[in-house]
Amino acid sequence: MMSHFPARDVEEPVTKEFLRAEIADVRSEIAEVRGNINGVRGEIAGLRGEINGLRHMMVMNAGLVASVGAVIIAAIRL
């Protein structure tokens, strides 16, 4: 049992207070990271909305180009 006890003064055992303080620091860092992750998720959701809007606009533009092309071809045949 004595082999587990610190042999030198620089090898002090960890106190409960020190361990609690370190755990509190780690918990606050984890909370900060979670906040950052939630912020990134919000940005991703916004980007998805923009992409869907652009996709809709592209489909509408393709339909418009096809319609204009059909009108031009019909006008040429007259």
C-alpha atoms as a PDB file:
ATOM      1  CA  MET A   1       0.000   0.000   0.000  1.00  0.00           C
ATOM      2  CA  MET A   2       2.871   2.357   0.672  1.00  0.00           C
ATOM      3  CA  SER A   3       4.002   1.993  -2.956  1.00  0.00           C
ATOM      4  CA  HIS A   4       0.907   3.968  -4.039  1.00  0.00           C
ATOM      5  CA  PHE A   5       1.634   6.841  -1.634  1.00  0.00           C
ATOM      6  CA  PRO A   6       3.762   9.715  -3.020  1.00  0.00           C
ATOM      7  CA  ALA A   7       7.421   9.265  -2.213  1.00  0.00           C
ATOM      8  CA  ARG A   8       8.430  12.881  -2.875  1.00  0.00           C
ATOM      9  CA  ASP A   9       6.904  16.259  -1.994  1.00  0.00           C
ATOM     10  CA  VAL A  10       6.358  17.102  -5.696  1.00  0.00           C
ATOM     11  CA  GLU A  11       4.108  14.044  -6.037  1.00  0.00           C
ATOM     12  CA  GLU A  12       1.228  15.311  -3.939  1.00  0.00           C
ATOM     13  CA  PRO A  13      -2.070  13.464  -4.135  1.00  0.00           C
ATOM     14  CA  VAL A  14      -4.948  15.330  -5.745  1.00  0.00           C
ATOM     15  CA  THR A  15      -7.365  16.942  -3.342  1.00  0.00           C
ATOM     16  CA  LYS A  16     -11.116  16.718  -3.735  1.00  0.00           C
ATOM     17  CA  GLU A  17     -11.345  20.490  -4.079  1.00  0.00           C
ATOM     18  CA  PHE A  18      -8.780  20.555  -6.883  1.00  0.00           C
ATOM     19  CA  LEU A  19     -10.516  17.706  -8.700  1.00  0.00           C
ATOM     20  CA  ARG A  20     -13.900  19.410  -8.355  1.00  0.00           C
ATOM     21  CA  ALA A  21     -12.473  22.656  -9.755  1.00  0.00           C
ATOM     22  CA  GLU A  22     -10.952  20.840 -12.726  1.00  0.00           C
ATOM     23  CA  ILE A  23     -14.208  18.995 -13.421  1.00  0.00           C
ATOM     24  CA  ALA A  24     -16.108  22.289 -13.270  1.00  0.00           C
ATOM     25  CA  ASP A  25     -13.688  23.779 -15.834  1.00  0.00           C
ATOM     26  CA  VAL A  26     -14.142  20.806 -18.147  1.00  0.00           C
ATOM     27  CA  ARG A  27     -17.914  21.016 -17.825  1.00  0.00           C
ATOM     28  CA  SER A  28     -17.913  24.702 -18.718  1.00  0.00           C
ATOM     29  CA  GLU A  29     -15.716  24.003 -21.757  1.00  0.00           C
ATOM     30  CA  ILE A  30     -18.080  21.223 -22.848  1.00  0.00           C
ATOM     31  CA  ALA A  31     -21.043  23.598 -22.482  1.00  0.00           C
ATOM     32  CA  GLU A  32     -19.224  26.144 -24.656  1.00  0.00           C
ATOM     33  CA  VAL A  33     -18.530  23.533 -27.330  1.00  0.00           C
ATOM     34  CA  ARG A  34     -22.182  22.467 -27.265  1.00  0.00           C
ATOM     35  CA  GLY A  35     -23.207  26.091 -27.798  1.00  0.00           C
ATOM     36  CA  ASN A  36     -20.845  26.348 -30.754  1.00  0.00           C
ATOM     37  CA  ILE A  37     -22.228  23.136 -32.228  1.00  0.00           C
ATOM     38  CA  ASN A  38     -25.789  24.428 -31.906  1.00  0.00           C
ATOM     39  CA  GLY A  39     -24.752  27.644 -33.652  1.00  0.00           C
ATOM     40  CA  VAL A  40     -23.235  25.688 -36.515  1.00  0.00           C
ATOM     41  CA  ARG A  41     -26.385  23.579 -36.769  1.00  0.00           C
ATOM     42  CA  GLY A  42     -28.422  26.765 -37.110  1.00  0.00           C
ATOM     43  CA  GLU A  43     -26.129  28.018 -39.860  1.00  0.00           C
ATOM     44  CA  ILE A  44     -26.425  24.686 -41.674  1.00  0.00           C
ATOM     45  CA  ALA A  45     -30.216  24.857 -41.480  1.00  0.00           C
ATOM     46  CA  GLY A  46     -30.090  28.358 -42.977  1.00  0.00           C
ATOM     47  CA  LEU A  47     -27.831  27.178 -45.793  1.00  0.00           C
ATOM     48  CA  ARG A  48     -30.164  24.279 -46.527  1.00  0.00           C
ATOM     49  CA  GLY A  49     -33.031  26.733 -46.869  1.00  0.00           C
ATOM     50  CA  GLU A  50     -31.012  28.881 -49.253  1.00  0.00           C
ATOM     51  CA  ILE A  51     -30.013  25.842 -51.322  1.00  0.00           C
ATOM     52  CA  ASN A  52     -33.630  24.719 -51.568  1.00  0.00           C
ATOM     53  CA  GLY A  53     -34.634  28.215 -52.661  1.00  0.00           C
ATOM     54  CA  LEU A  54     -31.918  28.251 -55.327  1.00  0.00           C
ATOM     55  CA  ARG A  55     -32.938  24.783 -56.505  1.00  0.00           C
ATOM     56  CA  HIS A  56     -36.537  25.963 -56.881  1.00  0.00           C
ATOM     57  CA  MET A  57     -35.367  29.027 -58.791  1.00  0.00           C
ATOM     58  CA  MET A  58     -33.273  26.864 -61.143  1.00  0.00           C
ATOM     59  CA  VAL A  59     -36.244  24.611 -61.895  1.00  0.00           C
ATOM     60  CA  MET A  60     -38.422  27.637 -62.580  1.00  0.00           C
ATOM     61  CA  ASN A  61     -35.767  29.164 -64.841  1.00  0.00           C
ATOM     62  CA  ALA A  62     -35.361  25.902 -66.751  1.00  0.00           C
ATOM     63  CA  GLY A  63     -39.110  25.772 -67.283  1.00  0.00           C
ATOM     64  CA  LEU A  64     -39.095  29.383 -68.460  1.00  0.00           C
ATOM     65  CA  VAL A  65     -36.256  28.734 -70.917  1.00  0.00           C
ATOM     66  CA  ALA A  66     -38.055  25.668 -72.275  1.00  0.00           C
ATOM     67  CA  SER A  67     -41.291  27.649 -72.649  1.00  0.00           C
ATOM     68  CA  VAL A  68     -39.588  30.551 -74.414  1.00  0.00           C
ATOM     69  CA  GLY A  69     -37.806  28.100 -76.689  1.00  0.00           C
ATOM     70  CA  ALA A  70     -41.079  26.412 -77.574  1.00  0.00           C
ATOM     71  CA  VAL A  71     -42.690  29.778 -78.350  1.00  0.00           C
ATOM     72  CA  ILE A  72     -39.762  30.774 -80.571  1.00  0.00           C
ATOM     73  CA  ILE A  73     -39.873  27.464 -82.446  1.00  0.00           C
ATOM     74  CA  ALA A  74     -43.654  27.805 -82.896  1.00  0.00           C
ATOM     75  CA  ALA A  75     -43.236  31.369 -84.167  1.00  0.00           C
ATOM     76  CA  ILE A  76     -40.573  30.290 -86.658  1.00  0.00           C
ATOM     77  CA  ARG A  77     -42.833  27.547 -88.078  1.00  0.00           C
ATOM     78  CA  LEU A  78     -45.622  30.014 -88.773  1.00  0.00           C
END
